[in-house]
Amino acid sequence: MLSSLQKTQHINIESKGPIKSFLGIDIICNWNQHLIALSQGAYIDRLVSEFGLINTHTVSTPLDKSLPLLTVIPDEKMCNPEINIL
């Protein structure tokens, strides 16, 4: 296996700071709360514009009331293998 030093000798790697977007997906990180959010808002806006749907009438789509919602608990690890929602 190549060490980090060996990899950088073959590939030009440079840090440009924290990631903000990748493949059109916006990435929002809150390291203090251990949260990462992914948003495709810009992609949706582009599709709406591309298909000429900017001035269309929107309707709400209610969430199914039978779906369980989980509350974020401060200082709780986000990856909890004990939670089984399926």
Foldseek 3Di string as FASTA:
>chain_A
DDDPVRVCVVDPDDDPDDDQDDPQWGWDDDVQQQDIDIHNVVVVVVVCVVVVNPPPDDDDDDDDPVQDDDDRDGPDHPDDPVDDRD
